[in-house]
Amino acid sequence: MKLSQRLQAIADMVDKGCCVGDIGTDHAQLPCYLVEKGIARKVIAADINALPLAGAQKRITELGLDAQISTRLGNGLSILEPGEVEVVTISGMGGSLMSDILQAGEAVVRSLKQLVLQPNLAAHLLRRWAVEHGWHIEQEKLLYEEGRYYVVIALRPGAGAELSEADLWLGPELIAARQPLLVEYVRKEWQAEKIILEQVAKSDSDEARQKRQKLEAKWENIREVMRCQFGVEIL
């Protein structure tokens, strides 16, 4: 089975020999791969929607993996009991929703050894969640596939180094590794937020002024990191 780059990056970070809970499994591509490759000894594949979960069950049965992969219909981590799995993977959602899922499933989260997360946007919210809840970033990967940038983050229990605002937005491991894709990713993000800045600059309201100040401070920090670590100017 060949995975997309995005799912492959997740699979590569999962601890070997563990029981895994895959939240938002869709058609169970990741669980099937983890079991077939001997990465996971057991996977619980969960989704909030019945239709994709039925497709997942069909795939699992066709591959003869029913003994190692079970499916569950439900919302977030509510389908798991504390200690039932050691690793949880969540992908294909926004960072805000993922943070909410982790917050709501606090008892399950406390029992885990690893989280592997792939937010479609707002990865900084997950990094902030990690800092606030006693987890640290073990690995990060930035990749570009089919016209989109994706970030994959592996977390471990235990407090890590303090993160700056730029670390939260860009990823401390990506900065430390001088990930080449980060330059183009940041430039793309700047072009999008530059438009927002131009729009809020037209308003004299307190809300617009506060938003402008917040965005300007954010980009001042990001520019400094890109200048010092990568030797480039983000204009």
Protein backbone atom coordinates (compact mmCIF):
# COMPACT_ATOMS: atom_id res chain seq x y z
CA MET A 1 0.00 0.00 0.00
CA LYS A 2 1.38 3.40 -1.00
CA LEU A 3 0.44 6.39 1.12
CA SER A 4 0.34 10.05 0.24
CA GLN A 5 3.35 12.05 1.42
CA ARG A 6 1.19 13.50 4.18
CA LEU A 7 0.09 10.14 5.59
CA GLN A 8 3.57 8.67 5.09
CA ALA A 9 5.05 11.45 7.22
CA ILE A 10 2.59 10.57 9.99
CA ALA A 11 3.33 6.85 9.73
CA ASP A 12 7.08 7.48 9.90
CA MET A 13 6.70 9.24 13.27
CA VAL A 14 4.50 6.65 15.00
CA ASP A 15 6.20 4.60 17.72
CA LYS A 16 6.78 1.02 16.64
CA GLY A 17 5.01 -1.82 18.42
CA CYS A 18 2.27 0.30 19.98
CA CYS A 19 -1.50 0.26 20.02
CA VAL A 20 -2.71 3.27 18.04
CA GLY A 21 -5.94 5.22 17.96
CA ASP A 22 -6.51 6.94 14.61
CA ILE A 23 -9.06 9.71 15.06
CA GLY A 24 -10.83 10.88 11.91
CA THR A 25 -9.65 7.78 10.09
CA ASP A 26 -11.72 8.38 6.94
CA HIS A 27 -11.10 5.23 4.87
CA ALA A 28 -8.48 3.72 7.22
CA GLN A 29 -5.51 4.04 4.87
CA LEU A 30 -3.18 4.92 7.73
CA PRO A 31 -4.31 2.12 10.09
CA CYS A 32 -3.99 -0.50 7.35
CA TYR A 33 -0.49 0.69 6.50
CA LEU A 34 0.61 0.77 10.15
CA VAL A 35 -0.48 -2.83 10.65
CA GLU A 36 0.73 -4.18 7.32
CA LYS A 37 4.20 -2.68 7.85
CA GLY A 38 4.43 -3.97 11.43
CA ILE A 39 4.56 -0.47 12.90
CA ALA A 40 1.44 -0.91 15.07
CA ARG A 41 0.37 -4.14 16.71
CA LYS A 42 -3.23 -2.95 16.94
CA VAL A 43 -5.22 0.07 15.70
CA ILE A 44 -8.60 1.49 16.66
CA ALA A 45 -9.84 3.43 13.63
CA ALA A 46 -12.48 6.01 14.54
CA ASP A 47 -14.59 8.52 12.67
CA ILE A 48 -17.54 10.73 13.49
CA ASN A 49 -19.21 9.94 10.13
CA ALA A 50 -20.77 6.55 9.43
CA LEU A 51 -20.27 6.48 5.65
CA PRO A 52 -16.47 6.76 5.55
CA LEU A 53 -16.25 4.41 8.52
CA ALA A 54 -18.21 1.80 6.57
CA GLY A 55 -15.71 2.22 3.75
CA ALA A 56 -12.91 1.83 6.27
CA GLN A 57 -14.40 -1.42 7.59
CA LYS A 58 -14.74 -2.76 4.05
CA ARG A 59 -11.07 -2.00 3.31
CA ILE A 60 -9.95 -3.62 6.57
CA THR A 61 -11.94 -6.78 5.88
CA GLU A 62 -10.75 -7.03 2.28
CA LEU A 63 -7.15 -6.86 3.48
CA GLY A 64 -7.77 -9.49 6.16
CA LEU A 65 -6.86 -7.14 9.00
CA ASP A 66 -9.98 -7.46 11.20
CA ALA A 67 -8.00 -9.13 13.99
CA GLN A 68 -5.72 -6.12 14.35
CA ILE A 69 -7.91 -3.17 13.35
CA SER A 70 -11.29 -2.35 14.84
CA THR A 71 -13.55 0.54 13.85
CA ARG A 72 -15.57 2.81 16.13
CA LEU A 73 -18.13 5.48 15.36
CA GLY A 74 -17.92 8.53 17.57
CA ASN A 75 -16.63 12.00 18.30
CA GLY A 76 -12.94 12.60 18.98
CA LEU A 77 -11.32 10.74 21.84
CA SER A 78 -14.67 9.82 23.40
CA ILE A 79 -14.45 6.44 21.68
CA LEU A 80 -11.34 5.53 23.70
CA GLU A 81 -10.81 4.54 27.33
CA PRO A 82 -7.71 5.80 29.16
CA GLY A 83 -4.85 3.37 28.64
CA GLU A 84 -6.53 1.59 25.73
CA VAL A 85 -3.95 2.89 23.25
CA GLU A 86 -0.46 4.33 23.64
CA VAL A 87 -0.40 6.56 20.57
CA VAL A 88 -3.07 8.76 19.01
CA THR A 89 -2.91 10.12 15.47
CA ILE A 90 -5.19 12.92 14.25
CA SER A 91 -4.99 14.37 10.75
CA GLY A 92 -6.84 16.43 8.20
CA MET A 93 -8.50 18.89 10.60
CA GLY A 94 -7.81 22.43 11.70
CA GLY A 95 -5.56 23.10 14.68
CA SER A 96 -8.44 24.68 16.61
CA LEU A 97 -10.63 21.57 16.29
CA MET A 98 -7.71 19.30 17.18
CA SER A 99 -7.01 21.37 20.30
CA ASP A 100 -10.67 21.06 21.28
CA ILE A 101 -10.53 17.28 20.77
CA LEU A 102 -7.44 16.97 22.96
CA GLN A 103 -8.95 19.21 25.63
CA ALA A 104 -12.21 17.24 25.70
CA GLY A 105 -10.33 13.93 25.89
CA GLU A 106 -8.02 14.99 28.70
CA ALA A 107 -8.23 11.68 30.59
CA VAL A 108 -7.23 9.71 27.47
CA VAL A 109 -4.47 12.19 26.60
CA ARG A 110 -2.89 11.82 30.05
CA SER A 111 -2.52 8.07 29.44
CA LEU A 112 -0.71 8.42 26.08
CA LYS A 113 2.98 8.08 25.25
CA GLN A 114 2.81 9.94 21.95
CA LEU A 115 0.60 12.20 19.82
CA VAL A 116 1.14 12.54 16.07
CA LEU A 117 -0.84 15.44 14.64
CA GLN A 118 -1.28 16.81 11.13
CA PRO A 119 -3.30 20.03 11.18
CA ASN A 120 -4.49 21.46 7.88
CA LEU A 121 -4.13 24.96 9.34
CA ALA A 122 -3.36 26.79 12.60
CA ALA A 123 -0.54 24.46 13.69
CA HIS A 124 0.52 27.17 16.16
CA LEU A 125 -2.56 26.37 18.27
CA LEU A 126 -1.36 22.79 18.75
CA ARG A 127 2.14 23.96 19.70
CA ARG A 128 0.56 26.33 22.22
CA TRP A 129 -1.65 23.50 23.53
CA ALA A 130 1.46 21.35 24.00
CA VAL A 131 3.23 24.06 26.02
CA GLU A 132 0.16 24.68 28.19
CA HIS A 133 -0.48 20.98 28.89
CA GLY A 134 3.00 19.66 29.61
CA TRP A 135 3.89 18.13 26.26
CA HIS A 136 6.94 18.86 24.13
CA ILE A 137 7.65 18.71 20.41
CA GLU A 138 9.74 15.68 19.47
CA GLN A 139 9.63 15.93 15.68
CA GLU A 140 8.17 18.21 13.03
CA LYS A 141 8.02 17.88 9.27
CA LEU A 142 6.88 20.36 6.65
CA LEU A 143 5.95 19.01 3.22
CA TYR A 144 4.34 20.22 0.02
CA GLU A 145 1.87 18.00 -1.80
CA GLU A 146 -0.70 18.72 -4.49
CA GLY A 147 -0.43 22.47 -4.11
CA ARG A 148 -0.66 22.58 -0.31
CA TYR A 149 1.77 22.79 2.59
CA TYR A 150 1.31 20.33 5.44
CA VAL A 151 2.88 20.24 8.89
CA VAL A 152 3.21 17.02 10.90
CA ILE A 153 4.04 17.28 14.60
CA ALA A 154 4.96 14.47 17.02
CA LEU A 155 4.51 15.26 20.71
CA ARG A 156 5.71 13.56 23.90
CA PRO A 157 4.59 14.03 27.51
CA GLY A 158 6.87 16.25 29.55
CA ALA A 159 7.68 19.93 29.46
CA GLY A 160 10.14 21.03 26.81
CA ALA A 161 12.03 24.22 26.06
CA GLU A 162 10.14 27.49 26.28
CA LEU A 163 8.79 28.50 22.88
CA SER A 164 8.94 32.01 21.46
CA GLU A 165 6.09 33.47 19.42
CA ALA A 166 8.09 32.70 16.26
CA ASP A 167 8.56 29.10 17.46
CA LEU A 168 4.82 28.75 17.89
CA TRP A 169 4.11 30.04 14.39
CA LEU A 170 6.98 28.41 12.49
CA GLY A 171 7.86 25.33 14.54
CA PRO A 172 11.03 25.11 16.66
CA GLU A 173 12.23 21.88 15.05
CA LEU A 174 11.67 23.25 11.54
CA ILE A 175 13.63 26.38 12.43
CA ALA A 176 16.45 24.40 14.04
CA ALA A 177 16.71 22.12 10.99
CA ARG A 178 16.61 25.15 8.67
CA GLN A 179 13.90 23.36 6.72
CA PRO A 180 14.22 24.77 3.17
CA LEU A 181 10.48 24.59 2.50
CA LEU A 182 9.89 26.93 5.43
CA VAL A 183 11.06 29.94 3.43
CA GLU A 184 8.46 29.49 0.69
CA TYR A 185 5.81 28.53 3.24
CA VAL A 186 6.42 31.75 5.18
CA ARG A 187 6.39 33.85 2.01
CA LYS A 188 3.03 32.34 1.04
CA GLU A 189 1.61 33.02 4.50
CA TRP A 190 2.88 36.61 4.37
CA GLN A 191 1.18 37.28 1.03
CA ALA A 192 -2.13 36.13 2.53
CA GLU A 193 -1.78 38.11 5.74
CA LYS A 194 -0.45 41.18 3.95
CA ILE A 195 -3.89 41.52 2.36
CA ILE A 196 -5.51 41.30 5.80
CA LEU A 197 -3.16 43.98 7.12
CA GLU A 198 -4.03 46.26 4.23
CA GLN A 199 -7.72 45.78 4.92
CA VAL A 200 -7.58 46.46 8.67
CA ALA A 201 -5.37 49.51 8.07
CA LYS A 202 -8.36 51.14 6.39
CA SER A 203 -10.38 51.05 9.61
CA ASP A 204 -9.97 53.31 12.65
CA SER A 205 -11.85 51.03 15.04
CA ASP A 206 -10.18 49.76 18.22
CA GLU A 207 -10.71 46.17 17.08
CA ALA A 208 -8.98 46.80 13.74
CA ARG A 209 -6.12 48.66 15.43
CA GLN A 210 -5.56 45.80 17.89
CA LYS A 211 -5.65 43.24 15.11
CA ARG A 212 -3.15 45.26 13.08
CA GLN A 213 -0.79 45.61 16.04
CA LYS A 214 -0.99 41.88 16.75
CA LEU A 215 -0.24 40.94 13.12
CA GLU A 216 2.60 43.46 12.88
CA ALA A 217 4.21 42.10 16.07
CA LYS A 218 3.82 38.54 14.80
CA TRP A 219 5.53 39.32 11.50
CA GLU A 220 8.28 41.32 13.15
CA ASN A 221 9.20 38.18 15.11
CA ILE A 222 8.94 35.93 12.05
CA ARG A 223 11.06 38.26 9.91
CA GLU A 224 13.78 38.32 12.56
CA VAL A 225 13.95 34.52 12.62
CA MET A 226 13.98 34.24 8.84
CA ARG A 227 16.70 36.87 8.64
CA CYS A 228 18.92 35.31 11.32
CA GLN A 229 18.35 31.61 10.65
CA PHE A 230 17.81 31.56 6.89
CA GLY A 231 19.45 34.77 5.69
CA VAL A 232 16.34 35.88 3.79
CA GLU A 233 14.07 38.89 3.95
CA ILE A 234 10.30 38.43 3.95
CA LEU A 235 8.93 41.52 2.20
